[in-house]
Amino acid sequence: MASLSFTRMATSTAATKRPATMSGGIRAAPVANLSSIACTPLDPVDAEVRQRIGLEGPHTVFESFVEGSQDILVGDIFTVESIDYDIKEIESWEWTRLSNTVVKRIFLEKPTTS
């Protein structure tokens, strides 16, 4: 269960989609996985963190935090305010030492559109 301080900070709502398995060499559209996920608002990640996690491309990388027990994986699509972001990396994060609440720190990148 999330701490009260995390609950206060998780003011945004997200959903996830999971890429469908390939069939005959063709990948189907992603399918809905989770909805109504409480998360912190998206924040841009600084250059040092981008370098540490290996996401040094030209795109802006964002981070958000969600409750640690959520079924969210690298490769899922994280949707906030109707905008899809690719989940590039996930870390466990101790929210506060006093609460012992572990959350997931999710690193997101907006895919390029053609």
Foldseek 3Di string as FASTA:
>chain_A
DDDPVQVVQQPFWKWKWAWADDDPNDTDHTHTDGGRFRKGDWDWDDPVVCVVLVNPDPFTKIKMKTQAVDPDDQQMWMATPNATWGFHDKDWDQPDPVVSGIIIITITTRDDDD
